[in-house]
């Protein structure tokens, strides 16, 4: 029986630079950084409030087929890769803090039926959705 989600992957352009971004800018902590056989690098970060969920920072490559790797690299270059959804306690305050640290926002904090949402990019072009959640019902969307 499945008990929880333990690993999610975010494809990045450069593991070292992305590890710095996720730790220094977003407040994650490094968990693993191991080079395995054939030069494969296993690098994970975790958020201090959710250490059981590992975020694997991986450069597109094998075992993915070359055409998929190229498509992922094009999406990164265009800034259109999907990344993570992150809950925040104050979307406006987090927006201001991250903007001051140079994070590029695609959408400032905006009211939504499910809370306040802002959208930014990490340093590899992945979208990060920041949500200050609130209770909602399906009728809130009509």
Protein backbone atom coordinates (compact mmCIF):
# COMPACT_ATOMS: atom_id res chain seq x y z
CA UNK A 1 0.00 0.00 0.00
CA UNK A 2 1.29 3.47 -0.87
CA UNK A 3 1.79 5.58 2.24
CA UNK A 4 2.96 8.94 0.87
CA UNK A 5 4.87 10.81 -1.84
CA UNK A 6 8.57 10.87 -1.04
CA UNK A 7 10.30 12.29 -4.15
CA UNK A 8 9.38 14.81 -6.83
CA UNK A 9 11.76 15.83 -9.61
CA UNK A 10 12.44 19.29 -10.95
CA UNK A 11 14.49 19.44 -14.13
CA UNK A 12 17.13 22.15 -13.93
CA UNK A 13 19.83 23.59 -16.15
CA UNK A 14 22.66 23.44 -13.60
CA UNK A 15 22.47 21.43 -10.38
CA UNK A 16 24.92 23.61 -8.42
CA UNK A 17 23.17 26.86 -9.33
CA UNK A 18 19.74 25.38 -8.70
CA UNK A 19 20.78 23.95 -5.35
CA UNK A 20 21.92 27.46 -4.36
CA UNK A 21 18.62 28.95 -5.56
CA UNK A 22 16.47 26.45 -3.69
CA UNK A 23 18.52 26.72 -0.49
CA UNK A 24 19.67 30.36 -0.42
CA UNK A 25 16.63 32.00 -2.04
CA UNK A 26 13.70 29.70 -1.22
CA UNK A 27 14.87 28.40 2.16
CA UNK A 28 15.11 24.68 1.38
CA UNK A 29 17.90 22.56 2.88
CA UNK A 30 20.33 20.27 1.07
CA UNK A 31 19.68 16.61 1.79
CA UNK A 32 21.75 14.53 -0.66
CA UNK A 33 24.40 15.37 -3.22
CA UNK A 34 26.00 12.18 -4.46
CA UNK A 35 27.71 11.34 -7.73
CA UNK A 36 26.88 7.79 -8.75
CA UNK A 37 28.12 5.56 -11.57
CA UNK A 38 28.49 7.01 -15.05
CA UNK A 39 28.66 10.52 -13.53
CA UNK A 40 24.96 10.58 -12.62
CA UNK A 41 24.34 13.06 -9.83
CA UNK A 42 21.64 12.55 -7.22
CA UNK A 43 20.94 15.90 -5.58
CA UNK A 44 17.94 16.51 -3.35
CA UNK A 45 16.70 19.39 -1.25
CA UNK A 46 13.93 19.37 1.34
CA UNK A 47 11.84 22.05 2.95
CA UNK A 48 12.42 22.23 6.73
CA UNK A 49 8.69 21.92 7.45
CA UNK A 50 8.31 18.88 5.16
CA UNK A 51 11.60 16.93 5.31
CA UNK A 52 9.97 13.69 4.19
CA UNK A 53 9.42 15.11 0.66
CA UNK A 54 12.64 15.12 -1.36
CA UNK A 55 12.89 17.47 -4.33
CA UNK A 56 15.32 15.92 -6.79
CA UNK A 57 17.21 18.51 -8.87
CA UNK A 58 18.07 16.77 -12.13
CA UNK A 59 19.51 17.87 -15.47
CA UNK A 60 17.54 16.44 -18.41
CA UNK A 61 19.40 13.46 -19.83
CA UNK A 62 19.48 9.67 -19.89
CA UNK A 63 17.48 7.51 -19.42
CA UNK A 64 15.12 9.89 -21.25
CA UNK A 65 15.26 9.65 -25.05
CA UNK A 66 17.21 12.43 -26.81
CA UNK A 67 14.09 13.98 -28.36
CA UNK A 68 12.48 14.35 -24.92
CA UNK A 69 15.69 15.81 -23.47
CA UNK A 70 15.77 18.40 -26.26
CA UNK A 71 12.10 19.26 -25.71
CA UNK A 72 12.72 19.74 -21.97
CA UNK A 73 15.74 21.95 -22.70
CA UNK A 74 13.65 24.06 -25.12
CA UNK A 75 10.93 24.44 -22.46
CA UNK A 76 13.57 25.49 -19.92
CA UNK A 77 15.00 28.04 -22.35
CA UNK A 78 11.49 29.41 -22.95
CA UNK A 79 10.72 29.46 -19.23
CA UNK A 80 7.70 27.20 -19.67
CA UNK A 81 8.56 24.13 -17.58
CA UNK A 82 6.24 23.36 -14.69
CA UNK A 83 7.90 23.08 -11.31
CA UNK A 84 6.33 23.10 -7.87
CA UNK A 85 3.26 24.38 -6.10
CA UNK A 86 4.28 25.92 -2.78
CA UNK A 87 1.99 26.94 0.07
CA UNK A 88 2.89 30.21 1.78
CA UNK A 89 1.55 31.90 4.90
CA UNK A 90 1.38 35.32 3.21
CA UNK A 91 1.51 35.50 -0.57
CA UNK A 92 2.06 39.28 -0.60
CA UNK A 93 4.93 39.14 1.92
CA UNK A 94 6.56 36.17 0.15
CA UNK A 95 6.20 37.97 -3.19
CA UNK A 96 7.96 41.03 -1.75
CA UNK A 97 10.73 38.98 -0.12
CA UNK A 98 11.44 36.89 -3.22
CA UNK A 99 11.21 39.90 -5.55
CA UNK A 100 13.84 41.62 -3.41
CA UNK A 101 16.05 38.54 -3.89
CA UNK A 102 15.76 38.87 -7.67
CA UNK A 103 13.12 36.22 -8.35
CA UNK A 104 11.24 36.82 -11.61
CA UNK A 105 7.46 36.87 -11.18
CA UNK A 106 5.07 36.12 -14.03
CA UNK A 107 2.04 37.03 -11.92
CA UNK A 108 1.87 39.14 -8.76
CA UNK A 109 -0.35 38.03 -5.88
CA UNK A 110 -3.89 37.67 -7.20
CA UNK A 111 -7.14 36.66 -5.56
CA UNK A 112 -8.43 33.24 -6.55
CA UNK A 113 -11.36 31.20 -5.18
CA UNK A 114 -8.86 28.93 -3.38
CA UNK A 115 -6.68 31.71 -1.96
CA UNK A 116 -4.08 34.24 -3.06
CA UNK A 117 -1.74 33.04 -5.82
CA UNK A 118 1.48 34.34 -7.37
CA UNK A 119 3.57 32.70 -10.09
CA UNK A 120 7.34 33.00 -10.43
CA UNK A 121 10.22 31.16 -12.08
CA UNK A 122 13.17 29.42 -10.53
CA UNK A 123 16.61 30.00 -12.02
CA UNK A 124 16.05 27.23 -14.60
CA UNK A 125 12.79 28.67 -15.93
CA UNK A 126 10.48 26.33 -14.00
CA UNK A 127 7.18 27.82 -12.90
CA UNK A 128 6.65 27.96 -9.15
CA UNK A 129 3.10 28.62 -8.00
CA UNK A 130 2.87 30.24 -4.56
CA UNK A 131 -0.51 29.86 -2.86
CA UNK A 132 -1.80 31.30 0.37
CA UNK A 133 -4.65 28.78 0.63
CA UNK A 134 -8.10 29.29 2.05
CA UNK A 135 -11.16 27.10 2.38
CA UNK A 136 -13.37 26.92 -0.70
CA UNK A 137 -16.29 25.06 -2.15
CA UNK A 138 -17.02 24.19 -5.78
CA UNK A 139 -19.60 26.99 -5.91
CA UNK A 140 -16.76 29.50 -5.31
CA UNK A 141 -15.65 28.85 -8.90
CA UNK A 142 -18.93 29.82 -10.61
